[in-house]
Amino acid sequence: MNETLLTALALIPCLVIAIVFHEVAHGWTALALGDPTAKERRRLTLNPIRHVDPVGTLVVPGMLAVAGMPVFGWAKPVPVMQGRLNNPRYGMMAVAAAGPLSNLVMAAIGAVALGVYASTLTAPPEAFGQYIGLTLNYFIMINVFLAFFNLLPIPPFDGSHIVEGLLPPSAAQTYRKLRPLGFGIVFLILLVIPYFFPGSGIIENVVLPPVAWVIDQFLGLARMVAGG
């Protein structure tokens, strides 16, 4: 099978699952803390059709994968109304943190599944077996990357809501004014600056080092489950 096609077949389902669980985790946490907006708008579902953004969930990640760049994407954000939370300030921090936390939980599940799968092998896997192994590895990597990528303190990422909740009220109000500029800031920091100043990218210098370390820990968990 063509290597690019195999990569896409392994990567895209993993990315869709990771993003859907990430968004649903936001919605369920908001509901638990007093905001039923996501429930009212029928977004507390694992049906990917309700969450997938064709460009952000499929096109952009696919192009990044083909280009050999770090793969990231986005879904339609689950609606959360901060004012409806029981404690708007700290509730929003918890809602924001729930997305990355769900990805780390999914990565742990993927690591256990990879270990169980590896423990069943008695010989080098055939093509389909290789696909399963590749998919589980991608599942771990994508979930860990999405967790840390979304923790960047840049609007509209989850990390920005956590930072906003930690700031004094006056500073938080000033920080909140950056939200309308969020996508422009993301475009500048993630694409423009690295293009003109190679080696200065925030992904490779800030995100990837902890991502690589955490992935190693999950692969170690997989080896432990496999009995190796």
Protein backbone atom coordinates (compact mmCIF):
# COMPACT_ATOMS: atom_id res chain seq x y z
CA MET A 1 0.00 0.00 0.00
CA ASN A 2 1.19 3.52 -0.78
CA GLU A 3 2.98 4.85 2.30
CA THR A 4 1.20 8.22 2.20
CA LEU A 5 -2.20 6.53 1.96
CA LEU A 6 -1.34 4.16 4.81
CA THR A 7 -0.27 7.11 6.95
CA ALA A 8 -3.54 8.91 6.21
CA LEU A 9 -5.62 5.83 6.98
CA ALA A 10 -3.87 5.47 10.32
CA LEU A 11 -3.65 9.14 11.22
CA ILE A 12 -7.04 10.62 10.30
CA PRO A 13 -9.23 8.31 12.45
CA CYS A 14 -6.89 8.89 15.40
CA LEU A 15 -7.08 12.64 14.97
CA VAL A 16 -10.87 12.65 14.65
CA ILE A 17 -11.28 10.54 17.81
CA ALA A 18 -8.80 12.68 19.75
CA ILE A 19 -10.47 15.94 18.75
CA VAL A 20 -14.02 14.69 19.36
CA PHE A 21 -13.21 13.45 22.87
CA HIS A 22 -11.37 16.70 23.56
CA GLU A 23 -14.40 18.79 22.66
CA VAL A 24 -16.92 16.55 24.43
CA ALA A 25 -14.77 16.71 27.59
CA HIS A 26 -15.17 20.50 27.54
CA GLY A 27 -18.93 20.18 27.21
CA TRP A 28 -19.41 17.54 29.91
CA THR A 29 -17.23 19.49 32.35
CA ALA A 30 -19.17 22.67 31.66
CA LEU A 31 -22.43 20.79 32.27
CA ALA A 32 -21.13 19.40 35.56
CA LEU A 33 -20.16 22.93 36.63
CA GLY A 34 -23.50 24.51 35.79
CA ASP A 35 -23.46 25.42 32.08
CA PRO A 36 -25.85 23.27 29.98
CA THR A 37 -25.20 25.17 26.73
CA ALA A 38 -23.42 22.29 24.99
CA LYS A 39 -26.21 19.91 26.01
CA GLU A 40 -28.86 22.31 24.75
CA ARG A 41 -27.11 22.54 21.39
CA ARG A 42 -26.72 18.74 21.13
CA ARG A 43 -22.93 18.77 21.29
CA LEU A 44 -22.53 16.22 24.10
CA THR A 45 -22.22 13.40 21.60
CA LEU A 46 -19.36 11.32 20.26
CA ASN A 47 -20.85 11.49 16.77
CA PRO A 48 -17.97 13.10 14.83
CA ILE A 49 -20.35 14.72 12.35
CA ARG A 50 -21.47 17.08 15.12
CA HIS A 51 -17.90 18.17 15.83
CA VAL A 52 -15.79 17.82 12.69
CA ASP A 53 -14.62 20.93 10.89
CA PRO A 54 -13.76 19.73 7.34
CA VAL A 55 -10.81 22.10 7.05
CA GLY A 56 -9.46 21.93 10.60
CA THR A 57 -10.07 18.24 11.23
CA LEU A 58 -9.23 16.76 7.84
CA VAL A 59 -7.62 19.09 5.27
CA VAL A 60 -5.05 20.92 7.42
CA PRO A 61 -3.84 17.83 9.35
CA GLY A 62 -3.62 15.86 6.10
CA MET A 63 -1.52 18.55 4.43
CA LEU A 64 0.75 18.83 7.47
CA ALA A 65 1.25 15.06 7.54
CA VAL A 66 2.15 14.93 3.85
CA ALA A 67 4.57 17.84 4.35
CA GLY A 68 6.22 16.01 7.25
CA MET A 69 5.32 18.77 9.71
CA PRO A 70 3.85 18.39 13.23
CA VAL A 71 0.20 17.44 12.82
CA PHE A 72 -2.48 19.46 14.54
CA GLY A 73 -6.06 20.34 13.84
CA TRP A 74 -9.26 21.60 15.35
CA ALA A 75 -12.97 20.90 15.51
CA LYS A 76 -16.03 23.07 15.89
CA PRO A 77 -15.61 24.43 19.41
CA VAL A 78 -18.16 23.14 21.91
CA PRO A 79 -20.13 26.19 23.09
CA VAL A 80 -19.46 27.21 26.68
CA MET A 81 -21.00 30.28 28.28
CA GLN A 82 -18.72 31.32 31.11
CA GLY A 83 -21.43 33.38 32.79
CA ARG A 84 -23.60 30.28 33.28
CA LEU A 85 -20.92 28.41 35.22
CA ASN A 86 -21.37 28.18 38.97
CA ASN A 87 -17.98 29.81 39.45
CA PRO A 88 -17.22 31.57 36.14
CA ARG A 89 -13.53 32.23 36.80
CA TYR A 90 -12.36 28.87 38.12
CA GLY A 91 -15.06 26.93 36.32
CA MET A 92 -13.71 28.14 32.98
CA MET A 93 -10.23 27.02 33.98
CA ALA A 94 -11.57 23.54 34.73
CA VAL A 95 -13.51 23.42 31.46
CA ALA A 96 -10.40 24.43 29.53
CA ALA A 97 -8.18 21.90 31.32
CA ALA A 98 -10.66 19.08 30.66
CA GLY A 99 -9.81 18.94 26.95
CA PRO A 100 -6.04 18.35 27.27
CA LEU A 101 -6.64 16.03 30.24
CA SER A 102 -8.99 13.90 28.14
CA ASN A 103 -6.27 13.58 25.49
CA LEU A 104 -3.76 12.34 28.06
CA VAL A 105 -6.30 9.80 29.30
CA MET A 106 -6.85 8.66 25.70
CA ALA A 107 -3.09 8.38 25.19
CA ALA A 108 -2.88 6.16 28.28
CA ILE A 109 -5.68 3.96 26.93
CA GLY A 110 -3.82 3.79 23.60
CA ALA A 111 -0.62 2.77 25.37
CA VAL A 112 -2.38 -0.04 27.23
CA ALA A 113 -4.02 -1.19 23.98
CA LEU A 114 -0.64 -1.14 22.22
CA GLY A 115 0.90 -3.19 25.01
CA VAL A 116 -1.92 -5.74 24.93
CA TYR A 117 -1.64 -5.98 21.14
CA ALA A 118 2.15 -6.43 21.29
CA SER A 119 1.75 -9.17 23.90
CA THR A 120 -0.35 -11.22 21.45
CA LEU A 121 2.28 -11.22 18.71
CA THR A 122 4.25 -14.39 18.25
CA ALA A 123 5.85 -13.39 14.95
CA PRO A 124 6.47 -10.18 12.97
CA PRO A 125 3.01 -8.83 12.00
CA GLU A 126 1.66 -8.93 8.47
CA ALA A 127 0.43 -5.81 6.68
CA PHE A 128 -2.80 -5.47 8.66
CA GLY A 129 -0.99 -6.09 11.92
CA GLN A 130 1.53 -3.40 11.03
CA TYR A 131 -1.36 -1.04 10.36
CA ILE A 132 -2.81 -1.72 13.82
CA GLY A 133 0.55 -1.04 15.45
CA LEU A 134 1.05 2.14 13.42
CA THR A 135 -2.45 3.36 14.27
CA LEU A 136 -1.99 2.80 18.01
CA ASN A 137 1.35 4.61 17.92
CA TYR A 138 -0.23 7.53 16.08
CA PHE A 139 -3.11 7.52 18.57
CA ILE A 140 -0.68 8.00 21.44
CA MET A 141 1.40 10.65 19.68
CA ILE A 142 -1.56 12.70 18.41
CA ASN A 143 -3.30 12.76 21.78
CA VAL A 144 -0.16 13.83 23.63
CA PHE A 145 0.63 16.48 21.04
CA LEU A 146 -2.92 17.88 21.11
CA ALA A 147 -2.85 18.03 24.90
CA PHE A 148 0.31 20.14 25.05
CA PHE A 149 -0.45 22.14 21.91
CA ASN A 150 -3.78 23.24 23.38
CA LEU A 151 -2.07 24.29 26.61
CA LEU A 152 -0.23 27.08 24.81
CA PRO A 153 -1.28 30.37 26.47
CA ILE A 154 -2.40 31.87 23.17
CA PRO A 155 -6.06 32.69 22.46
CA PRO A 156 -8.15 30.75 21.56
CA PHE A 157 -6.25 27.70 22.93
CA ASP A 158 -7.25 26.12 26.24
CA GLY A 159 -4.09 27.38 27.89
CA SER A 160 -5.26 30.97 27.44
CA HIS A 161 -8.37 30.32 29.56
CA ILE A 162 -6.23 28.75 32.29
CA VAL A 163 -3.82 31.70 32.28
CA GLU A 164 -6.73 34.15 32.32
CA GLY A 165 -8.15 32.48 35.41
CA LEU A 166 -4.79 32.66 37.19
CA LEU A 167 -4.24 36.36 36.49
CA PRO A 168 -5.45 39.14 38.79
CA PRO A 169 -8.80 40.51 37.56
CA SER A 170 -7.33 43.68 36.02
CA ALA A 171 -4.61 41.77 34.18
CA ALA A 172 -7.14 39.14 33.09
CA GLN A 173 -9.33 41.86 31.59
CA THR A 174 -6.39 43.18 29.56
CA TYR A 175 -5.41 39.66 28.49
CA ARG A 176 -9.00 38.96 27.40
CA LYS A 177 -8.75 41.77 24.86
CA LEU A 178 -6.32 39.61 22.86
CA ARG A 179 -9.06 37.06 22.05
CA PRO A 180 -10.33 38.78 18.87
CA LEU A 181 -6.73 38.75 17.62
CA GLY A 182 -6.22 35.10 18.51
CA PHE A 183 -6.06 33.47 15.10
CA GLY A 184 -3.84 36.23 13.77
CA ILE A 185 -1.45 35.72 16.69
CA VAL A 186 -1.49 31.94 16.11
CA PHE A 187 -0.75 32.42 12.40
CA LEU A 188 2.10 34.80 13.20
CA ILE A 189 3.71 32.70 15.93
CA LEU A 190 3.24 29.24 14.44
CA LEU A 191 3.77 29.90 10.74
CA VAL A 192 5.17 33.34 9.86
CA ILE A 193 7.96 33.65 12.43
CA PRO A 194 9.28 30.08 11.90
CA TYR A 195 9.21 30.65 8.13
CA PHE A 196 11.40 33.76 8.29
CA PHE A 197 13.46 32.65 11.28
CA PRO A 198 14.07 28.88 11.02
CA GLY A 199 14.71 27.24 14.34
CA SER A 200 12.67 29.80 16.26
CA GLY A 201 9.38 27.94 16.11
CA ILE A 202 7.38 27.61 19.29
CA ILE A 203 6.30 24.09 18.39
CA GLU A 204 9.78 22.60 18.11
CA ASN A 205 11.24 24.63 21.00
CA VAL A 206 8.36 24.69 23.49
CA VAL A 207 5.80 22.01 22.61
CA LEU A 208 7.80 19.10 21.21
CA PRO A 209 10.33 18.57 24.08
CA PRO A 210 7.68 17.78 26.74
CA VAL A 211 5.60 15.95 24.13
CA ALA A 212 8.53 13.67 23.30
CA TRP A 213 9.19 12.98 26.99
CA VAL A 214 5.53 12.14 27.74
CA ILE A 215 5.27 9.92 24.65
CA ASP A 216 8.32 8.00 25.90
CA GLN A 217 6.56 7.44 29.23
CA PHE A 218 3.45 6.09 27.51
CA LEU A 219 5.54 3.83 25.28
CA GLY A 220 7.22 2.61 28.43
CA LEU A 221 3.77 1.82 29.80
CA ALA A 222 3.01 -0.11 26.61
CA ARG A 223 6.22 -2.14 27.02
CA MET A 224 5.34 -2.85 30.63
CA VAL A 225 1.85 -4.08 29.66
CA ALA A 226 3.39 -6.21 26.93
CA GLY A 227 5.66 -7.77 29.52
CA GLY A 228 8.85 -6.48 27.94
